[in-house]
Amino acid sequence: MKSLQIEVFICRSDNFGVLLHCPETGETASIDAPELDPIVKAAEKRGWTITHVFTTHHHGDHVEGNLALKEKYGCEIIGPRNEAAAIPGIDRTVGDGDEFTFGKRPVRVIETPGHTAGHICYYLPEDMILFAADTLFALGCGRLFERSALDMWHSLQKLAELPDETIVYFGHEYTLSNARFAVTIDPENARLRSRAELIEMQRKRGDFTIPTTIGFEKETNPFLRAGEPDIRRTLGMEGATNDEVFAEIRKRKDTF
């Protein structure tokens, strides 16, 4: 079976546009639809026709292009069952544990409430690829708009259970700010300090910081490391629960 092909580009100001293409079937999925023109240009550059949109949540910067893409390509829009009423042009709803086929491969839906109430991620187990959108970023996680810190902590733990080799595509180029914040929370983490230095160089060159891996995030992302003694000491929260530590980290990032 031929490998899936992925094209990454910028939409709006800092949204990642991501196209997923199967060379065997010719299917192409846009992961969310932040902005029409960059998506169309990326598809035309590769000679791909968009057949699907995999919507992760209802925020405007992720669904703005839905109707225009459907009008242009007649593509099928798949999205979260619990946010269906807010997803423009939705054709098929999916929820936690559902599977469907794309490019002869299973796609598993993982519900990750936190950033929004019905946010979902798409996981391709045969390829170990995760499209995490605004749940998990490189060295970060999404703001909590519609659900609690406890909900988001549980959602992140679901993603952390995936194989360490899982390749993660996320929704925004926030990594430089995330790195600068992360070292204030986990200053003794040598792997994190090294990664933060690399990210500074990447962004100076204008390079993207996508993708990451689950294993790399477990080693360096403070939002996945609330149980680590060093972080708890830094925050003065040695006796707190993991979700309480996570909530404090998220609160600090909101004002960083």
Foldseek 3Di string as FASTA:
>chain_A
DDDWDKDWDDDDPWWIWIWIAQPVVLEIEIAFDQDPPVVVVRCVVVVGAHAEYEYFAQDNSRQVCVVVSCVVRVHAYEYAPVHVVRHPPHDYHDAAQDWDDDNNFIWGWHFQAFLARGGIWIAGQVNLEIEREQADDQLDHHAGDHDDLVSSLVSVVVVLPRDQARKYDYTTQPNLLSLVLQCLQQVVQPLSVVVNVVVVVCVVVPHGPDIDTSNSCCSGRVLNVLPDPRSCVSVVNNPDDSSVSNRVSSVVSVVD
